[in-house]
C-alpha atoms as a PDB file:
ATOM      1  CA  MET A   1     -28.180 -37.218   3.408  1.00  0.00           C
ATOM      2  CA  ILE A   2     -26.926 -40.768   3.458  1.00  0.00           C
ATOM      3  CA  GLU A   3     -27.334 -42.975   6.486  1.00  0.00           C
ATOM      4  CA  ASP A   4     -24.206 -44.935   7.234  1.00  0.00           C
ATOM      5  CA  THR A   5     -24.736 -47.488   9.986  1.00  0.00           C
ATOM      6  CA  ASN A   6     -21.094 -48.580   9.980  1.00  0.00           C
ATOM      7  CA  ASP A   7     -19.863 -45.144  10.991  1.00  0.00           C
ATOM      8  CA  MET A   8     -20.977 -42.464  13.418  1.00  0.00           C
ATOM      9  CA  ASN A   9     -23.298 -44.903  15.269  1.00  0.00           C
ATOM     10  CA  ALA A  10     -26.111 -44.507  12.744  1.00  0.00           C
ATOM     11  CA  HIS A  11     -25.821 -40.703  12.651  1.00  0.00           C
ATOM     12  CA  THR A  12     -26.534 -39.363   9.240  1.00  0.00           C
ATOM     13  CA  ILE A  13     -23.593 -38.256   7.169  1.00  0.00           C
ATOM     14  CA  SER A  14     -24.323 -34.966   5.480  1.00  0.00           C
ATOM     15  CA  CYS A  15     -22.548 -33.335   2.586  1.00  0.00           C
ATOM     16  CA  ILE A  16     -21.316 -30.788   5.156  1.00  0.00           C
ATOM     17  CA  TRP A  17     -19.662 -33.611   7.166  1.00  0.00           C
ATOM     18  CA  THR A  18     -18.068 -34.942   3.983  1.00  0.00           C
ATOM     19  CA  ALA A  19     -16.747 -31.494   3.036  1.00  0.00           C
ATOM     20  CA  LEU A  20     -15.349 -30.922   6.543  1.00  0.00           C
ATOM     21  CA  GLU A  21     -13.697 -34.351   6.471  1.00  0.00           C
ATOM     22  CA  THR A  22     -12.082 -33.546   3.112  1.00  0.00           C
ATOM     23  CA  ILE A  23     -10.816 -30.214   4.456  1.00  0.00           C
ATOM     24  CA  LYS A  24      -9.398 -31.876   7.599  1.00  0.00           C
ATOM     25  CA  ASN A  25      -7.656 -34.576   5.549  1.00  0.00           C
ATOM     26  CA  SER A  26      -6.074 -31.922   3.306  1.00  0.00           C
ATOM     27  CA  GLN A  27      -4.853 -29.938   6.331  1.00  0.00           C
ATOM     28  CA  ASP A  28      -3.449 -33.101   7.943  1.00  0.00           C
ATOM     29  CA  LYS A  29      -1.657 -34.112   4.748  1.00  0.00           C
ATOM     30  CA  ALA A  30      -0.059 -30.669   4.482  1.00  0.00           C
ATOM     31  CA  ALA A  31       1.055 -30.828   8.139  1.00  0.00           C
ATOM     32  CA  TYR A  32       2.492 -34.342   7.667  1.00  0.00           C
ATOM     33  CA  LEU A  33       4.460 -33.401   4.572  1.00  0.00           C
ATOM     34  CA  ARG A  34       5.895 -30.322   6.296  1.00  0.00           C
ATOM     35  CA  SER A  35       6.944 -32.417   9.319  1.00  0.00           C
ATOM     36  CA  THR A  36       8.738 -35.097   7.285  1.00  0.00           C
ATOM     37  CA  CYS A  37      11.114 -32.869   5.349  1.00  0.00           C
ATOM     38  CA  LYS A  38       9.045 -33.276   2.207  1.00  0.00           C
ATOM     39  CA  LEU A  39       8.548 -29.542   1.869  1.00  0.00           C
ATOM     40  CA  ILE A  40       8.743 -29.741  -1.906  1.00  0.00           C
ATOM     41  CA  GLU A  41       5.555 -31.850  -1.871  1.00  0.00           C
ATOM     42  CA  ALA A  42       3.812 -29.919   0.897  1.00  0.00           C
ATOM     43  CA  PRO A  43       1.073 -27.437   0.123  1.00  0.00           C
ATOM     44  CA  ALA A  44       1.907 -23.981   1.439  1.00  0.00           C
ATOM     45  CA  PHE A  45      -1.090 -23.933   3.776  1.00  0.00           C
ATOM     46  CA  LYS A  46      -2.021 -25.430   7.113  1.00  0.00           C
ATOM     47  CA  THR A  47      -5.515 -23.944   7.251  1.00  0.00           C
ATOM     48  CA  ILE A  48      -8.356 -24.103   4.765  1.00  0.00           C
ATOM     49  CA  PRO A  49     -10.749 -21.366   5.900  1.00  0.00           C
ATOM     50  CA  PHE A  50     -14.476 -21.706   5.357  1.00  0.00           C
ATOM     51  CA  ILE A  51     -17.874 -20.362   6.334  1.00  0.00           C
ATOM     52  CA  LEU A  52     -21.051 -22.295   7.104  1.00  0.00           C
ATOM     53  CA  GLN A  53     -24.564 -21.343   6.109  1.00  0.00           C
ATOM     54  CA  THR A  54     -27.476 -22.030   8.467  1.00  0.00           C
ATOM     55  CA  GLN A  55     -30.692 -23.722   7.384  1.00  0.00           C
ATOM     56  CA  LYS A  56     -32.162 -20.200   7.096  1.00  0.00           C
ATOM     57  CA  GLY A  57     -29.498 -19.215   4.557  1.00  0.00           C
ATOM     58  CA  GLU A  58     -27.553 -16.953   6.913  1.00  0.00           C
ATOM     59  CA  PRO A  59     -23.863 -17.197   7.760  1.00  0.00           C
ATOM     60  CA  PHE A  60     -23.222 -19.023  11.035  1.00  0.00           C
ATOM     61  CA  PHE A  61     -21.421 -16.723  13.460  1.00  0.00           C
ATOM     62  CA  THR A  62     -20.055 -16.945  16.948  1.00  0.00           C
ATOM     63  CA  TRP A  63     -17.864 -14.792  19.147  1.00  0.00           C
ATOM     64  CA  ALA A  64     -14.638 -15.189  21.068  1.00  0.00           C
ATOM     65  CA  LYS A  65     -12.989 -13.528  24.044  1.00  0.00           C
ATOM     66  CA  ALA A  66     -16.365 -12.338  25.394  1.00  0.00           C
ATOM     67  CA  GLY A  67     -16.009  -9.719  28.120  1.00  0.00           C
ATOM     68  CA  LYS A  68     -12.473  -8.817  27.044  1.00  0.00           C
ATOM     69  CA  PRO A  69     -11.199  -5.909  24.929  1.00  0.00           C
ATOM     70  CA  GLU A  70     -10.088  -8.367  22.242  1.00  0.00           C
ATOM     71  CA  CYS A  71     -13.637  -9.773  21.859  1.00  0.00           C
ATOM     72  CA  PHE A  72     -14.569 -10.482  18.239  1.00  0.00           C
ATOM     73  CA  VAL A  73     -17.328 -11.988  16.109  1.00  0.00           C
ATOM     74  CA  THR A  74     -16.498 -14.347  13.254  1.00  0.00           C
ATOM     75  CA  ILE A  75     -18.065 -16.384  10.494  1.00  0.00           C
ATOM     76  CA  PHE A  76     -14.681 -17.878   9.474  1.00  0.00           C
ATOM     77  CA  PHE A  77     -13.495 -21.267  10.729  1.00  0.00           C
ATOM     78  CA  LYS A  78     -10.875 -24.012  10.490  1.00  0.00           C
ATOM     79  CA  VAL A  79     -11.815 -27.654  11.117  1.00  0.00           C
ATOM     80  CA  ILE A  80      -9.894 -29.196  14.032  1.00  0.00           C
ATOM     81  CA  LYS A  81     -11.583 -32.503  14.853  1.00  0.00           C
ATOM     82  CA  LEU A  82     -14.380 -34.714  13.549  1.00  0.00           C
ATOM     83  CA  ASP A  83     -15.925 -37.136  16.045  1.00  0.00           C
ATOM     84  CA  ARG A  84     -17.665 -39.975  14.210  1.00  0.00           C
ATOM     85  CA  GLU A  85     -19.153 -41.368  17.419  1.00  0.00           C
ATOM     86  CA  SER A  86     -21.043 -38.208  18.360  1.00  0.00           C
ATOM     87  CA  GLY A  87     -21.300 -36.717  14.873  1.00  0.00           C
ATOM     88  CA  CYS A  88     -19.898 -33.445  16.225  1.00  0.00           C
ATOM     89  CA  VAL A  89     -17.139 -31.308  14.726  1.00  0.00           C
ATOM     90  CA  THR A  90     -14.732 -29.011  16.577  1.00  0.00           C
ATOM     91  CA  LEU A  91     -13.834 -25.810  14.771  1.00  0.00           C
ATOM     92  CA  ARG A  92     -11.162 -23.172  15.399  1.00  0.00           C
ATOM     93  CA  LEU A  93     -12.387 -19.578  15.166  1.00  0.00           C
ATOM     94  CA  LEU A  94     -10.535 -17.445  12.625  1.00  0.00           C
ATOM     95  CA  ARG A  95     -10.420 -13.764  13.498  1.00  0.00           C
ATOM     96  CA  PRO A  96     -11.295 -11.343  10.672  1.00  0.00           C
ATOM     97  CA  ASN A  97      -8.992  -8.329  10.346  1.00  0.00           C
ATOM     98  CA  LYS A  98     -12.060  -6.056  10.259  1.00  0.00           C
ATOM     99  CA  CYS A  99     -15.108  -6.028  12.501  1.00  0.00           C
ATOM    100  CA  ILE A 100     -18.147  -7.682  10.878  1.00  0.00           C
ATOM    101  CA  TRP A 101     -20.580  -6.946  13.728  1.00  0.00           C
ATOM    102  CA  ASP A 102     -23.042  -4.066  13.476  1.00  0.00           C
ATOM    103  CA  ASP A 103     -24.414  -2.777  16.801  1.00  0.00           C
ATOM    104  CA  GLU A 104     -27.367  -1.037  15.142  1.00  0.00           C
ATOM    105  CA  LEU A 105     -28.351  -4.210  13.308  1.00  0.00           C
ATOM    106  CA  ASN A 106     -27.423  -6.315  16.349  1.00  0.00           C
ATOM    107  CA  GLY A 107     -25.941  -8.836  13.959  1.00  0.00           C
ATOM    108  CA  VAL A 108     -23.409  -9.498  11.252  1.00  0.00           C
ATOM    109  CA  ARG A 109     -23.466  -6.908   8.456  1.00  0.00           C
ATOM    110  CA  PHE A 110     -23.039  -8.650   5.092  1.00  0.00           C
ATOM    111  CA  ARG A 111     -21.301  -5.630   3.534  1.00  0.00           C
ATOM    112  CA  ARG A 112     -18.661  -5.785   6.272  1.00  0.00           C
ATOM    113  CA  ILE A 113     -17.938  -9.425   5.462  1.00  0.00           C
ATOM    114  CA  CYS A 114     -16.900  -8.323   1.964  1.00  0.00           C
ATOM    115  CA  GLU A 115     -14.473  -5.799   3.478  1.00  0.00           C
ATOM    116  CA  VAL A 116     -12.435  -8.463   5.330  1.00  0.00           C
ATOM    117  CA  ASP A 117      -8.954  -8.733   3.782  1.00  0.00           C
ATOM    118  CA  PHE A 118      -7.659 -11.680   5.797  1.00  0.00           C
ATOM    119  CA  VAL A 119      -8.159 -13.769   8.937  1.00  0.00           C
ATOM    120  CA  THR A 120      -5.790 -15.002  11.631  1.00  0.00           C
ATOM    121  CA  GLU A 121      -6.032 -18.126  13.721  1.00  0.00           C
ATOM    122  CA  SER A 122      -7.293 -17.701  17.288  1.00  0.00           C
ATOM    123  CA  ASP A 123      -7.055 -20.020  20.270  1.00  0.00           C
ATOM    124  CA  GLU A 124     -10.862 -20.218  20.536  1.00  0.00           C
ATOM    125  CA  GLY A 125     -12.952 -23.162  19.418  1.00  0.00           C
ATOM    126  CA  VAL A 126     -16.579 -24.194  19.033  1.00  0.00           C
ATOM    127  CA  THR A 127     -18.229 -27.604  18.651  1.00  0.00           C
ATOM    128  CA  ILE A 128     -21.043 -27.943  16.120  1.00  0.00           C
ATOM    129  CA  ASP A 129     -23.495 -30.493  14.757  1.00  0.00           C
ATOM    130  CA  PRO A 130     -22.863 -30.339  10.991  1.00  0.00           C
ATOM    131  CA  THR A 131     -26.377 -31.555  10.197  1.00  0.00           C
ATOM    132  CA  ASN A 132     -27.646 -28.115  11.275  1.00  0.00           C
ATOM    133  CA  PHE A 133     -26.079 -26.424   8.239  1.00  0.00           C
ATOM    134  CA  SER A 134     -27.142 -26.223   4.611  1.00  0.00           C
ATOM    135  CA  ALA A 135     -23.983 -25.037   2.840  1.00  0.00           C
ATOM    136  CA  ILE A 136     -20.236 -24.627   3.209  1.00  0.00           C
ATOM    137  CA  LYS A 137     -17.997 -22.203   1.311  1.00  0.00           C
ATOM    138  CA  CYS A 138     -14.222 -22.613   1.299  1.00  0.00           C
ATOM    139  CA  PHE A 139     -11.801 -19.745   0.829  1.00  0.00           C
ATOM    140  CA  ASP A 140      -8.315 -19.631  -0.596  1.00  0.00           C
ATOM    141  CA  PRO A 141      -5.817 -20.707   2.093  1.00  0.00           C
ATOM    142  CA  ALA A 142      -3.929 -17.452   1.363  1.00  0.00           C
ATOM    143  CA  PHE A 143      -6.854 -15.685   3.104  1.00  0.00           C
ATOM    144  CA  VAL A 144      -5.238 -16.830   6.403  1.00  0.00           C
ATOM    145  CA  LYS A 145      -2.271 -14.743   7.558  1.00  0.00           C
ATOM    146  CA  GLU A 146       0.277 -15.778  10.146  1.00  0.00           C
ATOM    147  CA  GLU A 147       0.295 -13.567  13.256  1.00  0.00           C
ATOM    148  CA  GLU A 148       4.016 -12.785  13.082  1.00  0.00           C
ATOM    149  CA  GLY A 149       3.666 -11.510   9.498  1.00  0.00           C
ATOM    150  CA  LEU A 150       1.223  -8.775  10.480  1.00  0.00           C
ATOM    151  CA  ASP A 151       3.570  -6.185  11.938  1.00  0.00           C
END
């Protein structure tokens, strides 16, 4: 990690932070081009999905809609906001089209991750400290499907 005293109030900037910043900038550029009638120049995506790996080498997971029938567990995310002052990052949870949780294992089943065909954007978010992660893996933006195209 590189310490950058000019940014993030002397927080360390990790390669995970740098990757998330690159993803966010790409998403913002795509959104800007779509909003300025420059569709010919705009990438066809507004979300670059990714997963994070913990320091123990496991996929980071969290859940959404707890206590409701639509509750789900995910390892897939979209970056929403990077806060240089705190060093924290806000992520949007992306809902997998297939359940990745295994009640018997009481955790995420790796085989089930491979069975996911696509994800959709949810309205749930989570704030993380990117220095707690060891790896990031991006997926093709086509992995994200729009809700209205699912029927």
